[in-house]
Amino acid sequence: MVEFPTYMYSGTFTKKIMNNKNDVLTRLYNANSNSEKFTILEGVMGDAGFDAVLYSFYPKLSQLAKSLQPVFQFSKGYEALIKNYQKEDFSDDDFIIRLLKEGATEPIDWWFQAKKIKINDQEKKVNHIARNQFGVTKGICLPTLTNDLGIAGVSLISFKAEDEHRQLDAKDLDRLHHCARMYHNHIMMNQNEQSQFILPILDLLTPKKKLVIKHLISGKPMKSIEGVTERYAEKLLLELRKGFGNISKNELIYLLGLINISEYL
């Protein structure tokens, strides 16, 4: 279990929304768009004293593609940092992403955990920029997915001075984590909302590679692809496998199936 600083367990916050988890769930279901749902998430985390919220679902195929960065949903107050993060392509040097890939499921206090584990110089650089260039004084990642489908999580960010941070106890943190999971589950259940995280994968594919994938997941032989010879189809399949980390054909089929790729082709 991830260790937390002792000050996080010395108080409670006023639970306006958190006292009734069913209220949050109902509001999420009744929201008409993902932006409305994200606003609900921001409100919950704002009541806990945080200034910004960040959510990302990073599919396994996107991770393997190397050229694809995580897709983020974020509060407007976090926009400058995210733009810099994406411009510098920091995802490979983000120790939080590394911990999620390694299977972390417990909340991760950014700065506290960075002192407890070994992080490399590039990871230290990313942390330094977040703290000193963009003023992040506190960050907590609440993991919501760590499996073959990919990784996902909700991060809570504060720009307040250290002595102004609202204190949390273990039950508070559990409630926040529960709401993070509820939000994530809504993303996973709705194809339109999930598509923003899947479509970047499709942007890597040519029309003929999409045809190959359609046949691959349908179980049809490569020779039956109209307008593509079997030899060329096998060549495209090899390129697909290499493009996703030189994985096997069976692993490619498995990962494509996990994200229901046929729904997007």
Protein backbone atom coordinates (compact mmCIF):
# COMPACT_ATOMS: atom_id res chain seq x y z
CA MET A 1 0.00 0.00 0.00
CA VAL A 2 1.24 3.48 -0.87
CA GLU A 3 2.38 5.44 2.19
CA PHE A 4 0.98 8.92 2.79
CA PRO A 5 2.27 11.88 4.79
CA THR A 6 0.84 11.96 8.30
CA TYR A 7 -0.73 15.42 7.90
CA MET A 8 -3.25 13.96 5.49
CA TYR A 9 -4.97 12.12 8.34
CA SER A 10 -5.36 14.90 10.90
CA GLY A 11 -8.66 16.47 9.91
CA THR A 12 -11.80 16.42 7.75
CA PHE A 13 -13.37 18.72 5.18
CA THR A 14 -16.97 19.94 4.93
CA LYS A 15 -18.71 17.26 2.85
CA LYS A 16 -21.28 19.17 0.79
CA ILE A 17 -21.53 16.59 -1.99
CA MET A 18 -19.43 13.77 -0.60
CA ASN A 19 -21.89 12.94 2.20
CA ASN A 20 -24.23 11.47 -0.41
CA LYS A 21 -22.46 9.39 -3.05
CA ASN A 22 -25.81 8.56 -4.66
CA ASP A 23 -26.32 12.26 -5.36
CA VAL A 24 -23.06 12.41 -7.30
CA LEU A 25 -23.97 9.24 -9.18
CA THR A 26 -27.40 10.60 -10.10
CA ARG A 27 -25.95 13.88 -11.32
CA LEU A 28 -23.43 12.05 -13.50
CA TYR A 29 -26.16 9.92 -15.06
CA ASN A 30 -28.36 12.94 -15.70
CA ALA A 31 -25.61 15.04 -17.27
CA ASN A 32 -26.08 15.51 -21.01
CA SER A 33 -22.43 15.72 -22.01
CA ASN A 34 -18.99 14.75 -20.85
CA SER A 35 -18.16 18.40 -20.22
CA GLU A 36 -21.09 18.55 -17.78
CA LYS A 37 -19.87 15.37 -16.09
CA PHE A 38 -16.37 16.78 -15.80
CA THR A 39 -17.82 19.94 -14.23
CA ILE A 40 -19.51 17.73 -11.62
CA LEU A 41 -16.17 16.03 -10.93
CA GLU A 42 -14.50 19.44 -10.60
CA GLY A 43 -17.18 20.51 -8.13
CA VAL A 44 -16.68 17.46 -5.93
CA MET A 45 -12.92 17.87 -5.87
CA GLY A 46 -13.24 21.63 -5.42
CA ASP A 47 -15.26 21.05 -2.25
CA ALA A 48 -12.27 19.05 -1.01
CA GLY A 49 -10.09 22.13 -1.48
CA PHE A 50 -8.40 21.41 -4.81
CA ASP A 51 -7.97 24.04 -7.53
CA ALA A 52 -7.85 21.84 -10.62
CA VAL A 53 -8.67 18.34 -11.83
CA LEU A 54 -6.98 16.20 -14.47
CA TYR A 55 -8.37 12.99 -15.98
CA SER A 56 -6.74 10.71 -18.52
CA PHE A 57 -7.37 7.30 -20.02
CA TYR A 58 -4.20 6.02 -21.72
CA PRO A 59 -5.01 2.82 -23.69
CA LYS A 60 -2.34 0.11 -23.82
CA LEU A 61 -2.15 0.42 -27.62
CA SER A 62 -1.47 4.16 -27.33
CA GLN A 63 1.35 3.44 -24.88
CA LEU A 64 2.86 0.86 -27.23
CA ALA A 65 2.65 3.20 -30.22
CA LYS A 66 5.24 5.51 -28.58
CA SER A 67 4.26 8.43 -30.82
CA LEU A 68 0.97 8.89 -28.97
CA GLN A 69 0.76 10.95 -25.81
CA PRO A 70 -1.96 10.57 -23.17
CA VAL A 71 -5.21 12.40 -23.92
CA PHE A 72 -6.23 14.66 -21.03
CA GLN A 73 -9.37 16.28 -19.70
CA PHE A 74 -8.42 19.12 -17.39
CA SER A 75 -9.57 22.21 -15.55
CA LYS A 76 -8.88 25.53 -17.26
CA GLY A 77 -6.50 26.53 -14.46
CA TYR A 78 -4.26 23.61 -15.43
CA GLU A 79 -4.18 24.40 -19.15
CA ALA A 80 -0.77 26.10 -19.28
CA LEU A 81 0.96 23.17 -17.60
CA ILE A 82 -0.73 20.61 -19.87
CA LYS A 83 0.24 22.53 -23.01
CA ASN A 84 3.85 22.57 -21.85
CA TYR A 85 3.66 18.88 -20.89
CA GLN A 86 2.41 17.94 -24.36
CA LYS A 87 4.83 20.25 -26.17
CA GLU A 88 7.80 18.70 -24.33
CA ASP A 89 6.33 15.17 -24.60
CA PHE A 90 6.85 14.48 -20.89
CA SER A 91 4.70 11.33 -20.71
CA ASP A 92 7.71 8.98 -20.88
CA ASP A 93 9.31 10.86 -17.99
CA ASP A 94 6.24 11.16 -15.76
CA PHE A 95 6.80 8.99 -12.70
CA ILE A 96 3.05 8.90 -11.98
CA ILE A 97 2.44 7.26 -15.37
CA ARG A 98 5.28 4.86 -14.61
CA LEU A 99 3.70 3.86 -11.29
CA LEU A 100 0.32 3.33 -12.96
CA LYS A 101 1.94 1.14 -15.62
CA GLU A 102 3.53 -0.84 -12.81
CA GLY A 103 0.07 -1.50 -11.38
CA ALA A 104 -0.43 1.15 -8.68
CA THR A 105 -4.01 1.20 -7.42
CA GLU A 106 -3.74 3.27 -4.22
CA PRO A 107 -3.77 7.10 -4.19
CA ILE A 108 -0.39 8.65 -4.99
CA ASP A 109 0.65 11.90 -3.31
CA TRP A 110 2.98 13.35 -5.96
CA TRP A 111 5.65 15.11 -3.96
CA PHE A 112 5.56 12.81 -0.95
CA GLN A 113 5.84 9.69 -3.08
CA ALA A 114 8.64 11.21 -5.19
CA LYS A 115 10.71 11.37 -2.00
CA LYS A 116 9.90 7.79 -1.01
CA ILE A 117 10.87 6.03 -4.24
CA LYS A 118 13.75 6.29 -6.67
CA ILE A 119 12.99 8.62 -9.58
CA ASN A 120 15.45 9.39 -12.37
CA ASP A 121 16.79 12.77 -13.41
CA GLN A 122 14.22 13.27 -16.19
CA GLU A 123 11.37 12.49 -13.81
CA LYS A 124 12.84 14.96 -11.33
CA LYS A 125 12.92 17.57 -14.12
CA VAL A 126 9.20 17.08 -14.88
CA ASN A 127 8.39 17.45 -11.18
CA HIS A 128 10.59 20.54 -10.89
CA ILE A 129 8.81 22.25 -13.79
CA ALA A 130 5.36 21.47 -12.35
CA ARG A 131 6.34 22.83 -8.93
CA ASN A 132 8.57 25.75 -9.74
CA GLN A 133 7.42 26.92 -13.17
CA PHE A 134 3.69 26.30 -12.82
CA GLY A 135 3.23 26.52 -9.06
CA VAL A 136 1.76 23.10 -8.23
CA THR A 137 2.07 22.80 -4.46
CA LYS A 138 0.13 19.57 -4.09
CA GLY A 139 -1.02 16.78 -6.38
CA ILE A 140 -2.77 13.49 -5.67
CA CYS A 141 -3.41 10.86 -8.34
CA LEU A 142 -6.39 8.56 -7.79
CA PRO A 143 -5.88 5.51 -10.05
CA THR A 144 -9.02 4.22 -11.76
CA LEU A 145 -7.60 1.68 -14.22
CA THR A 146 -4.43 -0.43 -14.31
CA ASN A 147 -4.82 -3.47 -16.56
CA ASP A 148 -4.35 -4.70 -20.13
CA LEU A 149 -6.88 -2.16 -21.42
CA GLY A 150 -4.62 0.66 -20.24
CA ILE A 151 -4.19 3.05 -17.36
CA ALA A 152 -6.40 5.86 -16.14
CA GLY A 153 -6.68 8.17 -13.20
CA VAL A 154 -7.97 11.40 -11.76
CA SER A 155 -5.38 13.83 -10.41
CA LEU A 156 -6.25 16.55 -7.93
CA ILE A 157 -4.09 19.67 -8.02
CA SER A 158 -3.60 22.60 -5.68
CA PHE A 159 -1.75 25.88 -6.23
CA LYS A 160 -2.30 27.10 -2.67
CA ALA A 161 0.50 27.75 -0.21
CA GLU A 162 1.46 24.65 1.77
CA ASP A 163 -0.12 25.89 5.00
CA GLU A 164 -3.44 26.59 3.22
CA HIS A 165 -4.06 23.00 2.11
CA ARG A 166 -7.28 21.55 3.46
CA GLN A 167 -6.53 18.52 5.61
CA LEU A 168 -7.90 15.12 4.62
CA ASP A 169 -8.44 11.97 6.62
CA ALA A 170 -8.48 8.42 5.31
CA LYS A 171 -12.27 8.41 4.85
CA ASP A 172 -12.13 11.69 2.92
CA LEU A 173 -9.55 10.25 0.55
CA ASP A 174 -11.61 7.09 0.09
CA ARG A 175 -14.69 9.17 -0.82
CA LEU A 176 -12.71 11.16 -3.37
CA HIS A 177 -11.31 7.95 -4.86
CA HIS A 178 -14.84 6.52 -5.07
CA CYS A 179 -16.08 9.56 -7.01
CA ALA A 180 -13.06 9.34 -9.32
CA ARG A 181 -13.98 5.74 -10.11
CA MET A 182 -17.61 6.70 -10.75
CA TYR A 183 -16.51 9.32 -13.25
CA HIS A 184 -14.12 6.89 -14.94
CA ASN A 185 -16.85 4.24 -15.20
CA HIS A 186 -19.07 6.73 -17.03
CA ILE A 187 -16.32 7.33 -19.56
CA MET A 188 -15.84 3.59 -20.07
CA MET A 189 -19.57 2.92 -20.54
CA ASN A 190 -20.15 5.60 -23.17
CA GLN A 191 -18.63 5.13 -26.62
CA ASN A 192 -18.92 8.81 -27.55
CA GLU A 193 -17.06 9.88 -24.43
CA GLN A 194 -14.49 7.13 -24.70
CA SER A 195 -13.83 7.91 -28.38
CA GLN A 196 -11.62 10.94 -27.65
CA PHE A 197 -9.10 8.55 -26.09
CA ILE A 198 -9.38 5.91 -28.85
CA LEU A 199 -9.47 8.03 -32.01
CA PRO A 200 -5.77 9.02 -31.83
CA ILE A 201 -4.98 5.35 -32.42
CA LEU A 202 -7.06 5.38 -35.60
CA ASP A 203 -5.28 8.52 -36.79
CA LEU A 204 -2.14 6.38 -37.11
CA LEU A 205 -3.84 4.04 -39.58
CA THR A 206 -4.16 4.30 -43.33
CA PRO A 207 -7.48 3.22 -44.92
CA LYS A 208 -5.92 -0.06 -46.03
CA LYS A 209 -4.55 -0.77 -42.55
CA LYS A 210 -8.06 -0.24 -41.21
CA LEU A 211 -9.29 -2.80 -43.74
CA VAL A 212 -6.67 -5.25 -42.52
CA ILE A 213 -7.76 -4.69 -38.92
CA LYS A 214 -11.42 -5.25 -39.84
CA HIS A 215 -10.55 -8.59 -41.39
CA LEU A 216 -8.18 -9.48 -38.59
CA ILE A 217 -10.74 -9.07 -35.82
CA SER A 218 -13.49 -10.71 -37.89
CA GLY A 219 -11.41 -13.84 -38.37
CA LYS A 220 -11.58 -13.61 -42.15
CA PRO A 221 -8.49 -14.65 -44.16
CA MET A 222 -6.21 -11.91 -45.53
CA LYS A 223 -6.75 -13.12 -49.08
CA SER A 224 -10.40 -12.07 -48.90
CA ILE A 225 -9.68 -8.33 -48.53
CA GLU A 226 -11.10 -6.61 -51.59
CA GLY A 227 -8.53 -4.55 -53.50
CA VAL A 228 -5.57 -5.76 -51.39
CA THR A 229 -3.44 -8.76 -52.24
CA GLU A 230 -2.77 -11.31 -49.54
CA ARG A 231 0.95 -10.55 -49.68
CA TYR A 232 0.39 -6.82 -49.26
CA ALA A 233 -2.10 -7.43 -46.45
CA GLU A 234 0.50 -9.49 -44.58
CA LYS A 235 3.00 -6.67 -45.09
CA LEU A 236 0.54 -4.17 -43.61
CA LEU A 237 -0.12 -6.50 -40.70
CA LEU A 238 3.60 -6.67 -39.99
CA GLU A 239 3.78 -2.86 -40.06
CA LEU A 240 0.86 -2.71 -37.63
CA ARG A 241 2.54 -5.12 -35.24
CA LYS A 242 5.80 -3.17 -35.37
CA GLY A 243 3.99 0.14 -34.96
CA PHE A 244 2.53 -1.11 -31.69
CA GLY A 245 5.77 -2.21 -30.12
CA ASN A 246 6.53 -5.26 -32.27
CA ILE A 247 3.78 -7.28 -30.59
CA SER A 248 2.48 -10.62 -31.84
CA LYS A 249 -0.57 -11.00 -34.06
CA ASN A 250 -2.54 -12.57 -31.22
CA GLU A 251 -1.65 -9.75 -28.82
CA LEU A 252 -2.66 -7.17 -31.42
CA ILE A 253 -6.05 -8.86 -31.87
CA TYR A 254 -6.47 -9.04 -28.08
CA LEU A 255 -5.68 -5.35 -27.50
CA LEU A 256 -7.83 -4.21 -30.43
CA GLY A 257 -10.70 -6.23 -28.97
CA LEU A 258 -10.31 -4.66 -25.54
CA ILE A 259 -11.00 -1.19 -26.92
CA ASN A 260 -13.78 -2.41 -29.23
CA ILE A 261 -11.93 -1.00 -32.21
CA SER A 262 -14.60 -2.28 -34.63
CA GLU A 263 -16.99 0.34 -33.21
CA TYR A 264 -14.73 3.13 -34.46
CA LEU A 265 -13.72 1.82 -37.91
